[in-house]
Amino acid sequence: EYEEIIKKFSPDLYQLAKNLANELNVDYRRILAFEFTPMRF
């Protein structure tokens, strides 16, 4: 539900998160959940 909005209003940071997840070999959705959504502190 967040992905489409993130891609529209912050496309570079969205792609950066995906590339970073690839470098770290983790599911990019875990990075999005922690950094781009209210599932955080």
Full PDB file with SEQRES, HELIX, SHEET, SSBOND, CRYST1, ORIGX, SCALE, CONECT and MASTER records, all heavy atoms in Angstrom:
SEQRES   1 A   41  GLU TYR GLU GLU ILE ILE LYS LYS PHE SER PRO ASP LEU          
SEQRES   2 A   41  TYR GLN LEU ALA LYS ASN LEU ALA ASN GLU LEU ASN VAL          
SEQRES   3 A   41  ASP TYR ARG ARG ILE LEU ALA PHE GLU PHE THR PRO MET          
SEQRES   4 A   41  ARG PHE                                                      
HELIX    1 AA1 GLU A    3  PHE A    9  1                                   7    
HELIX    2 AA2 PRO A   11  LEU A   24  1                                  14    
HELIX    3 AA3 TYR A   28  PHE A   36  1                                   9    
CRYST1    1.000    1.000    1.000  90.00  90.00  90.00 P 1           1          
ORIGX1      1.000000  0.000000  0.000000        0.00000                         
ORIGX2      0.000000  1.000000  0.000000        0.00000                         
ORIGX3      0.000000  0.000000  1.000000        0.00000                         
SCALE1      1.000000  0.000000  0.000000        0.00000                         
SCALE2      0.000000  1.000000  0.000000        0.00000                         
SCALE3      0.000000  0.000000  1.000000        0.00000                         
ATOM      1  N   GLU A   1       0.823  -1.207   0.000  1.00  0.00           N  
ATOM      2  CA  GLU A   1       0.000   0.000   0.000  1.00  0.00           C  
ATOM      3  C   GLU A   1       0.861   1.263   0.000  1.00  0.00           C  
ATOM      4  O   GLU A   1       0.441   2.309  -0.493  1.00  0.00           O  
ATOM      5  CB  GLU A   1      -0.922  -0.002   1.230  1.00  0.00           C  
ATOM      6  CG  GLU A   1      -1.859  -1.207   1.296  1.00  0.00           C  
ATOM      7  CD  GLU A   1      -2.672  -1.204   2.578  1.00  0.00           C  
ATOM      8  OE1 GLU A   1      -2.560  -0.222   3.347  1.00  0.00           O  
ATOM      9  OE2 GLU A   1      -3.413  -2.163   2.820  1.00  0.00           O  
ATOM     10  N   TYR A   2       2.045   1.175   0.575  1.00  0.00           N  
ATOM     11  CA  TYR A   2       2.947   2.321   0.639  1.00  0.00           C  
ATOM     12  C   TYR A   2       3.821   2.442  -0.605  1.00  0.00           C  
ATOM     13  O   TYR A   2       4.223   3.548  -0.979  1.00  0.00           O  
ATOM     14  CB  TYR A   2       3.853   2.217   1.877  1.00  0.00           C  
ATOM     15  CG  TYR A   2       3.149   2.530   3.170  1.00  0.00           C  
ATOM     16  CD1 TYR A   2       2.398   1.551   3.820  1.00  0.00           C  
ATOM     17  CD2 TYR A   2       3.213   3.799   3.735  1.00  0.00           C  
ATOM     18  CE1 TYR A   2       1.736   1.840   5.003  1.00  0.00           C  
ATOM     19  CE2 TYR A   2       2.554   4.095   4.916  1.00  0.00           C  
ATOM     20  CZ  TYR A   2       1.812   3.105   5.542  1.00  0.00           C  
ATOM     21  OH  TYR A   2       1.147   3.393   6.711  1.00  0.00           O  
ATOM     22  N   GLU A   3       4.110   1.325  -1.237  1.00  0.00           N  
ATOM     23  CA  GLU A   3       5.081   1.327  -2.328  1.00  0.00           C  
ATOM     24  C   GLU A   3       4.732   2.290  -3.450  1.00  0.00           C  
ATOM     25  O   GLU A   3       5.584   3.044  -3.930  1.00  0.00           O  
ATOM     26  CB  GLU A   3       5.244  -0.089  -2.893  1.00  0.00           C  
ATOM     27  CG  GLU A   3       6.245  -0.930  -2.146  1.00  0.00           C  
ATOM     28  CD  GLU A   3       6.686  -2.129  -2.949  1.00  0.00           C  
ATOM     29  OE1 GLU A   3       7.416  -1.937  -3.944  1.00  0.00           O  
ATOM     30  OE2 GLU A   3       6.287  -3.252  -2.597  1.00  0.00           O  
ATOM     31  N   GLU A   4       3.500   2.270  -3.896  1.00  0.00           N  
ATOM     32  CA  GLU A   4       3.116   3.113  -5.033  1.00  0.00           C  
ATOM     33  C   GLU A   4       3.261   4.596  -4.697  1.00  0.00           C  
ATOM     34  O   GLU A   4       3.689   5.394  -5.537  1.00  0.00           O  
ATOM     35  CB  GLU A   4       1.679   2.795  -5.464  1.00  0.00           C  
ATOM     36  CG  GLU A   4       1.499   1.406  -6.047  1.00  0.00           C  
ATOM     37  CD  GLU A   4       2.456   1.149  -7.210  1.00  0.00           C  
ATOM     38  OE1 GLU A   4       2.566   2.020  -8.106  1.00  0.00           O  
ATOM     39  OE2 GLU A   4       3.096   0.086  -7.224  1.00  0.00           O  
ATOM     40  N   ILE A   5       2.925   4.966  -3.472  1.00  0.00           N  
ATOM     41  CA  ILE A   5       3.051   6.364  -3.059  1.00  0.00           C  
ATOM     42  C   ILE A   5       4.521   6.755  -2.931  1.00  0.00           C  
ATOM     43  O   ILE A   5       4.935   7.833  -3.360  1.00  0.00           O  
ATOM     44  CB  ILE A   5       2.302   6.589  -1.735  1.00  0.00           C  
ATOM     45  CG1 ILE A   5       0.799   6.463  -1.965  1.00  0.00           C  
ATOM     46  CG2 ILE A   5       2.635   7.962  -1.147  1.00  0.00           C  
ATOM     47  CD1 ILE A   5      -0.022   6.512  -0.708  1.00  0.00           C  
ATOM     48  N   ILE A   6       5.321   5.865  -2.357  1.00  0.00           N  
ATOM     49  CA  ILE A   6       6.755   6.143  -2.212  1.00  0.00           C  
ATOM     50  C   ILE A   6       7.403   6.313  -3.579  1.00  0.00           C  
ATOM     51  O   ILE A   6       8.211   7.218  -3.806  1.00  0.00           O  
ATOM     52  CB  ILE A   6       7.439   5.021  -1.413  1.00  0.00           C  
ATOM     53  CG1 ILE A   6       6.899   4.985   0.021  1.00  0.00           C  
ATOM     54  CG2 ILE A   6       8.953   5.220  -1.390  1.00  0.00           C  
ATOM     55  CD1 ILE A   6       7.275   3.728   0.791  1.00  0.00           C  
ATOM     56  N   LYS A   7       7.050   5.450  -4.515  1.00  0.00           N  
ATOM     57  CA  LYS A   7       7.619   5.522  -5.874  1.00  0.00           C  
ATOM     58  C   LYS A   7       7.245   6.833  -6.555  1.00  0.00           C  
ATOM     59  O   LYS A   7       8.028   7.378  -7.337  1.00  0.00           O  
ATOM     60  CB  LYS A   7       7.136   4.333  -6.714  1.00  0.00           C  
ATOM     61  CG  LYS A   7       7.852   3.031  -6.379  1.00  0.00           C  
ATOM     62  CD  LYS A   7       7.548   1.947  -7.404  1.00  0.00           C  
ATOM     63  CE  LYS A   7       6.172   1.384  -7.220  1.00  0.00           C  
ATOM     64  NZ  LYS A   7       5.939   0.215  -8.107  1.00  0.00           N  
ATOM     65  N   LYS A   8       6.060   7.353  -6.260  1.00  0.00           N  
ATOM     66  CA  LYS A   8       5.601   8.578  -6.897  1.00  0.00           C  
ATOM     67  C   LYS A   8       6.214   9.822  -6.283  1.00  0.00           C  
ATOM     68  O   LYS A   8       6.635  10.743  -6.999  1.00  0.00           O  
ATOM     69  CB  LYS A   8       4.068   8.670  -6.813  1.00  0.00           C  
ATOM     70  CG  LYS A   8       3.491   9.935  -7.445  1.00  0.00           C  
ATOM     71  CD  LYS A   8       1.975   9.959  -7.359  1.00  0.00           C  
ATOM     72  CE  LYS A   8       1.409  11.240  -7.981  1.00  0.00           C  
ATOM     73  NZ  LYS A   8      -0.080  11.283  -7.898  1.00  0.00           N  
ATOM     74  N   PHE A   9       6.291   9.879  -4.945  1.00  0.00           N  
ATOM     75  CA  PHE A   9       6.708  11.105  -4.267  1.00  0.00           C  
ATOM     76  C   PHE A   9       8.170  11.093  -3.812  1.00  0.00           C  
ATOM     77  O   PHE A   9       8.700  12.136  -3.446  1.00  0.00           O  
ATOM     78  CB  PHE A   9       5.794  11.377  -3.067  1.00  0.00           C  
ATOM     79  CG  PHE A   9       4.426  11.860  -3.455  1.00  0.00           C  
ATOM     80  CD1 PHE A   9       3.389  10.968  -3.663  1.00  0.00           C  
ATOM     81  CD2 PHE A   9       4.190  13.210  -3.652  1.00  0.00           C  
ATOM     82  CE1 PHE A   9       2.125  11.408  -4.046  1.00  0.00           C  
ATOM     83  CE2 PHE A   9       2.935  13.666  -4.035  1.00  0.00           C  
ATOM     84  CZ  PHE A   9       1.905  12.762  -4.237  1.00  0.00           C  
ATOM     85  N   SER A  10       8.809   9.942  -3.845  1.00  0.00           N  
ATOM     86  CA  SER A  10      10.223   9.865  -3.500  1.00  0.00           C  
ATOM     87  C   SER A  10      10.880   8.723  -4.273  1.00  0.00           C  
ATOM     88  O   SER A  10      11.400   7.768  -3.687  1.00  0.00           O  
ATOM     89  CB  SER A  10      10.382   9.650  -1.986  1.00  0.00           C  
ATOM     90  OG  SER A  10      11.727   9.764  -1.615  1.00  0.00           O  
ATOM     91  N   PRO A  11      10.860   8.811  -5.602  1.00  0.00           N  
ATOM     92  CA  PRO A  11      11.299   7.670  -6.420  1.00  0.00           C  
ATOM     93  C   PRO A  11      12.769   7.303  -6.245  1.00  0.00           C  
ATOM     94  O   PRO A  11      13.110   6.116  -6.240  1.00  0.00           O  
ATOM     95  CB  PRO A  11      11.005   8.138  -7.853  1.00  0.00           C  
ATOM     96  CG  PRO A  11      10.965   9.636  -7.777  1.00  0.00           C  
ATOM     97  CD  PRO A  11      10.399   9.944  -6.432  1.00  0.00           C  
ATOM     98  N   ASP A  12      13.631   8.289  -6.103  1.00  0.00           N  
ATOM     99  CA  ASP A  12      15.062   7.981  -5.966  1.00  0.00           C  
ATOM    100  C   ASP A  12      15.359   7.253  -4.662  1.00  0.00           C  
ATOM    101  O   ASP A  12      16.155   6.307  -4.635  1.00  0.00           O  
ATOM    102  CB  ASP A  12      15.890   9.263  -6.048  1.00  0.00           C  
ATOM    103  CG  ASP A  12      15.937   9.840  -7.454  1.00  0.00           C  
ATOM    104  OD1 ASP A  12      15.436   9.177  -8.381  1.00  0.00           O  
ATOM    105  OD2 ASP A  12      16.469  10.948  -7.622  1.00  0.00           O  
ATOM    106  N   LEU A  13      14.735   7.699  -3.573  1.00  0.00           N  
ATOM    107  CA  LEU A  13      14.974   7.035  -2.296  1.00  0.00           C  
ATOM    108  C   LEU A  13      14.364   5.645  -2.270  1.00  0.00           C  
ATOM    109  O   LEU A  13      14.904   4.728  -1.627  1.00  0.00           O  
ATOM    110  CB  LEU A  13      14.427   7.881  -1.148  1.00  0.00           C  
ATOM    111  CG  LEU A  13      15.144   9.211  -0.913  1.00  0.00           C  
ATOM    112  CD1 LEU A  13      14.502   9.975   0.239  1.00  0.00           C  
ATOM    113  CD2 LEU A  13      16.620   8.989  -0.633  1.00  0.00           C  
ATOM    114  N   TYR A  14      13.260   5.469  -2.956  1.00  0.00           N  
ATOM    115  CA  TYR A  14      12.672   4.132  -3.082  1.00  0.00           C  
ATOM    116  C   TYR A  14      13.642   3.194  -3.788  1.00  0.00           C  
ATOM    117  O   TYR A  14      13.905   2.075  -3.321  1.00  0.00           O  
ATOM    118  CB  TYR A  14      11.356   4.214  -3.851  1.00  0.00           C  
ATOM    119  CG  TYR A  14      10.780   2.857  -4.225  1.00  0.00           C  
ATOM    120  CD1 TYR A  14      10.149   2.064  -3.275  1.00  0.00           C  
ATOM    121  CD2 TYR A  14      10.878   2.378  -5.530  1.00  0.00           C  
ATOM    122  CE1 TYR A  14       9.620   0.828  -3.611  1.00  0.00           C  
ATOM    123  CE2 TYR A  14      10.358   1.140  -5.876  1.00  0.00           C  
ATOM    124  CZ  TYR A  14       9.734   0.372  -4.912  1.00  0.00           C  
ATOM    125  OH  TYR A  14       9.217  -0.865  -5.251  1.00  0.00           O  
ATOM    126  N   GLN A  15      14.203   3.650  -4.896  1.00  0.00           N  
ATOM    127  CA  GLN A  15      15.137   2.808  -5.638  1.00  0.00           C  
ATOM    128  C   GLN A  15      16.423   2.589  -4.836  1.00  0.00           C  
ATOM    129  O   GLN A  15      17.013   1.498  -4.889  1.00  0.00           O  
ATOM    130  CB  GLN A  15      15.462   3.425  -6.994  1.00  0.00           C  
ATOM    131  CG  GLN A  15      16.179   2.475  -7.948  1.00  0.00           C  
ATOM    132  CD  GLN A  15      15.376   1.211  -8.213  1.00  0.00           C  
ATOM    133  OE1 GLN A  15      14.201   1.273  -8.578  1.00  0.00           O  
ATOM    134  NE2 GLN A  15      16.000   0.064  -8.012  1.00  0.00           N  
ATOM    135  N   LEU A  16      16.837   3.609  -4.104  1.00  0.00           N  
ATOM    136  CA  LEU A  16      18.018   3.459  -3.263  1.00  0.00           C  
ATOM    137  C   LEU A  16      17.789   2.379  -2.207  1.00  0.00           C  
ATOM    138  O   LEU A  16      18.674   1.554  -1.932  1.00  0.00           O  
ATOM    139  CB  LEU A  16      18.360   4.790  -2.589  1.00  0.00           C  
ATOM    140  CG  LEU A  16      19.555   4.813  -1.637  1.00  0.00           C  
ATOM    141  CD1 LEU A  16      20.826   4.339  -2.332  1.00  0.00           C  
ATOM    142  CD2 LEU A  16      19.757   6.210  -1.048  1.00  0.00           C  
ATOM    143  N   ALA A  17      16.606   2.354  -1.613  1.00  0.00           N  
ATOM    144  CA  ALA A  17      16.279   1.326  -0.622  1.00  0.00           C  
ATOM    145  C   ALA A  17      16.315  -0.065  -1.244  1.00  0.00           C  
ATOM    146  O   ALA A  17      16.810  -1.024  -0.634  1.00  0.00           O  
ATOM    147  CB  ALA A  17      14.912   1.605  -0.005  1.00  0.00           C  
ATOM    148  N   LYS A  18      15.801  -0.196  -2.462  1.00  0.00           N  
ATOM    149  CA  LYS A  18      15.801  -1.499  -3.125  1.00  0.00           C  
ATOM    150  C   LYS A  18      17.226  -1.944  -3.456  1.00  0.00           C  
ATOM    151  O   LYS A  18      17.588  -3.114  -3.261  1.00  0.00           O  
ATOM    152  CB  LYS A  18      14.939  -1.457  -4.383  1.00  0.00           C  
ATOM    153  CG  LYS A  18      13.451  -1.266  -4.120  1.00  0.00           C  
ATOM    154  CD  LYS A  18      12.590  -1.622  -5.332  1.00  0.00           C  
ATOM    155  CE  LYS A  18      12.576  -3.112  -5.570  1.00  0.00           C  
ATOM    156  NZ  LYS A  18      11.621  -3.503  -6.628  1.00  0.00           N  
ATOM    157  N   ASN A  19      18.028  -1.030  -3.965  1.00  0.00           N  
ATOM    158  CA  ASN A  19      19.416  -1.371  -4.266  1.00  0.00           C  
ATOM    159  C   ASN A  19      20.191  -1.733  -2.998  1.00  0.00           C  
ATOM    160  O   ASN A  19      21.012  -2.654  -2.999  1.00  0.00           O  
ATOM    161  CB  ASN A  19      20.107  -0.213  -4.986  1.00  0.00           C  
ATOM    162  CG  ASN A  19      19.752  -0.120  -6.450  1.00  0.00           C  
ATOM    163  OD1 ASN A  19      18.606  -0.377  -6.821  1.00  0.00           O  
ATOM    164  ND2 ASN A  19      20.692   0.247  -7.289  1.00  0.00           N  
ATOM    165  N   LEU A  20      19.917  -1.001  -1.927  1.00  0.00           N  
ATOM    166  CA  LEU A  20      20.584  -1.279  -0.670  1.00  0.00           C  
ATOM    167  C   LEU A  20      20.215  -2.674  -0.163  1.00  0.00           C  
ATOM    168  O   LEU A  20      21.079  -3.422   0.313  1.00  0.00           O  
ATOM    169  CB  LEU A  20      20.200  -0.221   0.364  1.00  0.00           C  
ATOM    170  CG  LEU A  20      20.782  -0.381   1.763  1.00  0.00           C  
ATOM    171  CD1 LEU A  20      22.303  -0.335   1.729  1.00  0.00           C  
ATOM    172  CD2 LEU A  20      20.236   0.711   2.692  1.00  0.00           C  
ATOM    173  N   ALA A  21      18.940  -3.008  -0.247  1.00  0.00           N  
ATOM    174  CA  ALA A  21      18.508  -4.343   0.168  1.00  0.00           C  
ATOM    175  C   ALA A  21      19.212  -5.431  -0.626  1.00  0.00           C  
ATOM    176  O   ALA A  21      19.604  -6.472  -0.080  1.00  0.00           O  
ATOM    177  CB  ALA A  21      16.994  -4.465   0.009  1.00  0.00           C  
ATOM    178  N   ASN A  22      19.412  -5.176  -1.911  1.00  0.00           N  
ATOM    179  CA  ASN A  22      20.109  -6.139  -2.754  1.00  0.00           C  
ATOM    180  C   ASN A  22      21.572  -6.299  -2.310  1.00  0.00           C  
ATOM    181  O   ASN A  22      22.107  -7.418  -2.262  1.00  0.00           O  
ATOM    182  CB  ASN A  22      20.044  -5.697  -4.211  1.00  0.00           C  
ATOM    183  CG  ASN A  22      20.639  -6.718  -5.157  1.00  0.00           C  
ATOM    184  OD1 ASN A  22      20.184  -7.855  -5.226  1.00  0.00           O  
ATOM    185  ND2 ASN A  22      21.657  -6.315  -5.903  1.00  0.00           N  
ATOM    186  N   GLU A  23      22.219  -5.175  -1.991  1.00  0.00           N  
ATOM    187  CA  GLU A  23      23.603  -5.219  -1.525  1.00  0.00           C  
ATOM    188  C   GLU A  23      23.728  -5.983  -0.203  1.00  0.00           C  
ATOM    189  O   GLU A  23      24.731  -6.672   0.039  1.00  0.00           O  
ATOM    190  CB  GLU A  23      24.150  -3.802  -1.336  1.00  0.00           C  
ATOM    191  CG  GLU A  23      24.317  -3.003  -2.612  1.00  0.00           C  
ATOM    192  CD  GLU A  23      25.477  -3.495  -3.471  1.00  0.00           C  
ATOM    193  OE1 GLU A  23      26.392  -4.136  -2.915  1.00  0.00           O  
ATOM    194  OE2 GLU A  23      25.457  -3.235  -4.686  1.00  0.00           O  
ATOM    195  N   LEU A  24      22.712  -5.865   0.642  1.00  0.00           N  
ATOM    196  CA  LEU A  24      22.738  -6.495   1.962  1.00  0.00           C  
ATOM    197  C   LEU A  24      22.130  -7.887   1.963  1.00  0.00           C  
ATOM    198  O   LEU A  24      22.163  -8.588   2.980  1.00  0.00           O  
ATOM    199  CB  LEU A  24      21.992  -5.619   2.976  1.00  0.00           C  
ATOM    200  CG  LEU A  24      22.571  -4.222   3.222  1.00  0.00           C  
ATOM    201  CD1 LEU A  24      21.620  -3.400   4.076  1.00  0.00           C  
ATOM    202  CD2 LEU A  24      23.934  -4.310   3.892  1.00  0.00           C  
ATOM    203  N   ASN A  25      21.518  -8.246   0.824  1.00  0.00           N  
ATOM    204  CA  ASN A  25      20.872  -9.554   0.681  1.00  0.00           C  
ATOM    205  C   ASN A  25      19.742  -9.736   1.699  1.00  0.00           C  
ATOM    206  O   ASN A  25      19.643 -10.762   2.385  1.00  0.00           O  
ATOM    207  CB  ASN A  25      21.887 -10.690   0.811  1.00  0.00           C  
ATOM    208  CG  ASN A  25      21.328 -12.020   0.312  1.00  0.00           C  
ATOM    209  OD1 ASN A  25      20.461 -12.066  -0.568  1.00  0.00           O  
ATOM    210  ND2 ASN A  25      21.816 -13.118   0.886  1.00  0.00           N  
ATOM    211  N   VAL A  26      18.888  -8.691   1.818  1.00  0.00           N  
ATOM    212  CA  VAL A  26      17.709  -8.765   2.678  1.00  0.00           C  
ATOM    213  C   VAL A  26      16.480  -8.384   1.857  1.00  0.00           C  
ATOM    214  O   VAL A  26      16.586  -7.750   0.801  1.00  0.00           O  
ATOM    215  CB  VAL A  26      17.830  -7.826   3.904  1.00  0.00           C  
ATOM    216  CG1 VAL A  26      19.038  -8.190   4.743  1.00  0.00           C  
ATOM    217  CG2 VAL A  26      17.887  -6.367   3.478  1.00  0.00           C  
ATOM    218  N   ASP A  27      15.327  -8.773   2.319  1.00  0.00           N  
ATOM    219  CA  ASP A  27      14.068  -8.431   1.662  1.00  0.00           C  
ATOM    220  C   ASP A  27      13.881  -6.907   1.732  1.00  0.00           C  
ATOM    221  O   ASP A  27      13.845  -6.329   2.826  1.00  0.00           O  
ATOM    222  CB  ASP A  27      12.909  -9.146   2.363  1.00  0.00           C  
ATOM    223  CG  ASP A  27      11.558  -8.946   1.681  1.00  0.00           C  
ATOM    224  OD1 ASP A  27      11.423  -8.004   0.876  1.00  0.00           O  
ATOM    225  OD2 ASP A  27      10.646  -9.722   1.972  1.00  0.00           O  
ATOM    226  N   TYR A  28      13.767  -6.239   0.576  1.00  0.00           N  
ATOM    227  CA  TYR A  28      13.651  -4.779   0.569  1.00  0.00           C  
ATOM    228  C   TYR A  28      12.434  -4.298   1.332  1.00  0.00           C  
ATOM    229  O   TYR A  28      12.399  -3.171   1.839  1.00  0.00           O  
ATOM    230  CB  TYR A  28      13.626  -4.253  -0.871  1.00  0.00           C  
ATOM    231  CG  TYR A  28      12.305  -4.383  -1.577  1.00  0.00           C  
ATOM    232  CD1 TYR A  28      11.387  -3.346  -1.592  1.00  0.00           C  
ATOM    233  CD2 TYR A  28      11.948  -5.563  -2.233  1.00  0.00           C  
ATOM    234  CE1 TYR A  28      10.165  -3.451  -2.231  1.00  0.00           C  
ATOM    235  CE2 TYR A  28      10.736  -5.685  -2.882  1.00  0.00           C  
ATOM    236  CZ  TYR A  28       9.845  -4.631  -2.875  1.00  0.00           C  
ATOM    237  OH  TYR A  28       8.644  -4.751  -3.509  1.00  0.00           O  
ATOM    238  N   ARG A  29      11.408  -5.138   1.455  1.00  0.00           N  
ATOM    239  CA  ARG A  29      10.197  -4.731   2.160  1.00  0.00           C  
ATOM    240  C   ARG A  29      10.468  -4.555   3.653  1.00  0.00           C  
ATOM    241  O   ARG A  29       9.767  -3.783   4.320  1.00  0.00           O  
ATOM    242  CB  ARG A  29       9.084  -5.745   1.926  1.00  0.00           C  
ATOM    243  CG  ARG A  29       8.611  -5.810   0.477  1.00  0.00           C  
ATOM    244  CD  ARG A  29       7.617  -6.920   0.259  1.00  0.00           C  
ATOM    245  NE  ARG A  29       8.215  -8.218   0.562  1.00  0.00           N  
ATOM    246  CZ  ARG A  29       7.542  -9.383   0.521  1.00  0.00           C  
ATOM    247  NH1 ARG A  29       6.264  -9.387   0.196  1.00  0.00           N  
ATOM    248  NH2 ARG A  29       8.152 -10.521   0.808  1.00  0.00           N  
ATOM    249  N   ARG A  30      11.473  -5.240   4.176  1.00  0.00           N  
ATOM    250  CA  ARG A  30      11.847  -5.035   5.582  1.00  0.00           C  
ATOM    251  C   ARG A  30      12.458  -3.649   5.770  1.00  0.00           C  
ATOM    252  O   ARG A  30      12.225  -2.991   6.792  1.00  0.00           O  
ATOM    253  CB  ARG A  30      12.834  -6.122   6.027  1.00  0.00           C  
ATOM    254  CG  ARG A  30      12.214  -7.501   6.132  1.00  0.00           C  
ATOM    255  CD  ARG A  30      13.285  -8.565   6.349  1.00  0.00           C  
ATOM    256  NE  ARG A  30      13.986  -8.386   7.623  1.00  0.00           N  
ATOM    257  CZ  ARG A  30      15.105  -9.031   7.944  1.00  0.00           C  
ATOM    258  NH1 ARG A  30      15.658  -9.871   7.074  1.00  0.00           N  
ATOM    259  NH2 ARG A  30      15.679  -8.817   9.123  1.00  0.00           N  
ATOM    260  N   ILE A  31      13.231  -3.184   4.787  1.00  0.00           N  
ATOM    261  CA  ILE A  31      13.784  -1.829   4.852  1.00  0.00           C  
ATOM    262  C   ILE A  31      12.675  -0.795   4.712  1.00  0.00           C  
ATOM    263  O   ILE A  31      12.631   0.201   5.438  1.00  0.00           O  
ATOM    264  CB  ILE A  31      14.866  -1.634   3.778  1.00  0.00           C  
ATOM    265  CG1 ILE A  31      16.109  -2.463   4.138  1.00  0.00           C  
ATOM    266  CG2 ILE A  31      15.231  -0.155   3.626  1.00  0.00           C  
ATOM    267  CD1 ILE A  31      17.235  -2.337   3.157  1.00  0.00           C  
ATOM    268  N   LEU A  32      11.748  -1.026   3.773  1.00  0.00           N  
ATOM    269  CA  LEU A  32      10.636  -0.085   3.614  1.00  0.00           C  
ATOM    270  C   LEU A  32       9.809  -0.004   4.887  1.00  0.00           C  
ATOM    271  O   LEU A  32       9.412   1.088   5.316  1.00  0.00           O  
ATOM    272  CB  LEU A  32       9.749  -0.503   2.441  1.00  0.00           C  
ATOM    273  CG  LEU A  32      10.325  -0.399   1.032  1.00  0.00           C  
ATOM    274  CD1 LEU A  32       9.242  -0.680   0.004  1.00  0.00           C  
ATOM    275  CD2 LEU A  32      10.952   0.968   0.771  1.00  0.00           C  
ATOM    276  N   ALA A  33       9.528  -1.157   5.509  1.00  0.00           N  
ATOM    277  CA  ALA A  33       8.713  -1.169   6.722  1.00  0.00           C  
ATOM    278  C   ALA A  33       9.379  -0.363   7.832  1.00  0.00           C  
ATOM    279  O   ALA A  33       8.721   0.405   8.548  1.00  0.00           O  
ATOM    280  CB  ALA A  33       8.472  -2.599   7.177  1.00  0.00           C  
ATOM    281  N   PHE A  34      10.700  -0.500   7.959  1.00  0.00           N  
ATOM    282  CA  PHE A  34      11.414   0.136   9.065  1.00  0.00           C  
ATOM    283  C   PHE A  34      11.642   1.619   8.834  1.00  0.00           C  
ATOM    284  O   PHE A  34      11.594   2.420   9.768  1.00  0.00           O  
ATOM    285  CB  PHE A  34      12.764  -0.567   9.267  1.00  0.00           C  
ATOM    286  CG  PHE A  34      13.511  -0.113  10.492  1.00  0.00           C  
ATOM    287  CD1 PHE A  34      12.986  -0.330  11.757  1.00  0.00           C  
ATOM    288  CD2 PHE A  34      14.730   0.522  10.384  1.00  0.00           C  
ATOM    289  CE1 PHE A  34      13.667   0.077  12.899  1.00  0.00           C  
ATOM    290  CE2 PHE A  34      15.420   0.930  11.521  1.00  0.00           C  
ATOM    291  CZ  PHE A  34      14.888   0.702  12.777  1.00  0.00           C  
ATOM    292  N   GLU A  35      11.853   2.029   7.587  1.00  0.00           N  
ATOM    293  CA  GLU A  35      12.287   3.391   7.302  1.00  0.00           C  
ATOM    294  C   GLU A  35      11.215   4.256   6.646  1.00  0.00           C  
ATOM    295  O   GLU A  35      11.240   5.472   6.769  1.00  0.00           O  
ATOM    296  CB  GLU A  35      13.523   3.347   6.402  1.00  0.00           C  
ATOM    297  CG  GLU A  35      14.288   4.647   6.295  1.00  0.00           C  
ATOM    298  CD  GLU A  35      15.204   4.912   7.470  1.00  0.00           C  
ATOM    299  OE1 GLU A  35      14.817   4.591   8.608  1.00  0.00           O  
ATOM    300  OE2 GLU A  35      16.311   5.428   7.264  1.00  0.00           O  
ATOM    301  N   PHE A  36      10.263   3.659   5.953  1.00  0.00           N  
ATOM    302  CA  PHE A  36       9.323   4.418   5.134  1.00  0.00           C  
ATOM    303  C   PHE A  36       7.878   4.339   5.613  1.00  0.00           C  
ATOM    304  O   PHE A  36       6.990   4.876   4.963  1.00  0.00           O  
ATOM    305  CB  PHE A  36       9.359   3.912   3.685  1.00  0.00           C  
ATOM    306  CG  PHE A  36      10.623   4.237   2.933  1.00  0.00           C  
ATOM    307  CD1 PHE A  36      11.799   3.556   3.169  1.00  0.00           C  
ATOM    308  CD2 PHE A  36      10.629   5.233   1.958  1.00  0.00           C  
ATOM    309  CE1 PHE A  36      12.958   3.843   2.462  1.00  0.00           C  
ATOM    310  CE2 PHE A  36      11.782   5.524   1.246  1.00  0.00           C  
ATOM    311  CZ  PHE A  36      12.950   4.831   1.504  1.00  0.00           C  
ATOM    312  N   THR A  37       7.612   3.661   6.719  1.00  0.00           N  
ATOM    313  CA  THR A  37       6.238   3.470   7.177  1.00  0.00           C  
ATOM    314  C   THR A  37       6.138   3.760   8.675  1.00  0.00           C  
ATOM    315  O   THR A  37       7.160   3.870   9.359  1.00  0.00           O  
ATOM    316  CB  THR A  37       5.763   2.021   6.921  1.00  0.00           C  
ATOM    317  OG1 THR A  37       6.331   1.157   7.922  1.00  0.00           O  
ATOM    318  CG2 THR A  37       6.154   1.534   5.531  1.00  0.00           C  
ATOM    319  N   PRO A  38       4.915   3.830   9.227  1.00  0.00           N  
ATOM    320  CA  PRO A  38       4.770   4.095  10.670  1.00  0.00           C  
ATOM    321  C   PRO A  38       5.053   2.881  11.547  1.00  0.00           C  
ATOM    322  O   PRO A  38       4.806   2.935  12.753  1.00  0.00           O  
ATOM    323  CB  PRO A  38       3.311   4.552  10.789  1.00  0.00           C  
ATOM    324  CG  PRO A  38       2.620   3.948   9.638  1.00  0.00           C  
ATOM    325  CD  PRO A  38       3.622   3.935   8.529  1.00  0.00           C  
ATOM    326  N   MET A  39       5.574   1.792  10.988  1.00  0.00           N  
ATOM    327  CA  MET A  39       5.954   0.642  11.802  1.00  0.00           C  
ATOM    328  C   MET A  39       7.344   0.896  12.391  1.00  0.00           C  
ATOM    329  O   MET A  39       8.276   0.114  12.229  1.00  0.00           O  
ATOM    330  CB  MET A  39       5.986  -0.649  10.970  1.00  0.00           C  
ATOM    331  CG  MET A  39       4.632  -1.110  10.460  1.00  0.00           C  
ATOM    332  SD  MET A  39       4.113  -0.215   8.987  1.00  0.00           S  
ATOM    333  CE  MET A  39       2.750  -1.215   8.403  1.00  0.00           C  
ATOM    334  N   ARG A  40       7.513   2.018  13.055  1.00  0.00           N  
ATOM    335  CA  ARG A  40       8.828   2.433  13.522  1.00  0.00           C  
ATOM    336  C   ARG A  40       8.683   3.183  14.845  1.00  0.00           C  
ATOM    337  O   ARG A  40       7.582   3.360  15.360  1.00  0.00           O  
ATOM    338  CB  ARG A  40       9.524   3.317  12.476  1.00  0.00           C  
ATOM    339  CG  ARG A  40       8.735   4.569  12.108  1.00  0.00           C  
ATOM    340  CD  ARG A  40       9.368   5.355  10.985  1.00  0.00           C  
ATOM    341  NE  ARG A  40      10.588   6.018  11.420  1.00  0.00           N  
ATOM    342  CZ  ARG A  40      11.794   5.700  10.976  1.00  0.00           C  
ATOM    343  NH1 ARG A  40      11.956   4.724  10.116  1.00  0.00           N  
ATOM    344  NH2 ARG A  40      12.863   6.347  11.399  1.00  0.00           N  
ATOM    345  N   PHE A  41       9.787   3.673  15.387  1.00  0.00           N  
ATOM    346  CA  PHE A  41       9.779   4.353  16.671  1.00  0.00           C  
ATOM    347  C   PHE A  41       9.133   5.735  16.552  1.00  0.00           C  
ATOM    348  O   PHE A  41       9.081   6.328  15.488  1.00  0.00           O  
ATOM    349  CB  PHE A  41      11.198   4.478  17.237  1.00  0.00           C  
ATOM    350  CG  PHE A  41      12.235   4.847  16.221  1.00  0.00           C  
ATOM    351  CD1 PHE A  41      12.382   6.167  15.806  1.00  0.00           C  
ATOM    352  CD2 PHE A  41      13.046   3.892  15.656  1.00  0.00           C  
ATOM    353  CE1 PHE A  41      13.331   6.513  14.867  1.00  0.00           C  
ATOM    354  CE2 PHE A  41      13.987   4.228  14.701  1.00  0.00           C  
ATOM    355  CZ  PHE A  41      14.133   5.537  14.310  1.00  0.00           C  
TER     356      PHE A  41                                                      
MASTER        0    0    0    3    0    0    0    6  355    1    0    4          
END                                                                             
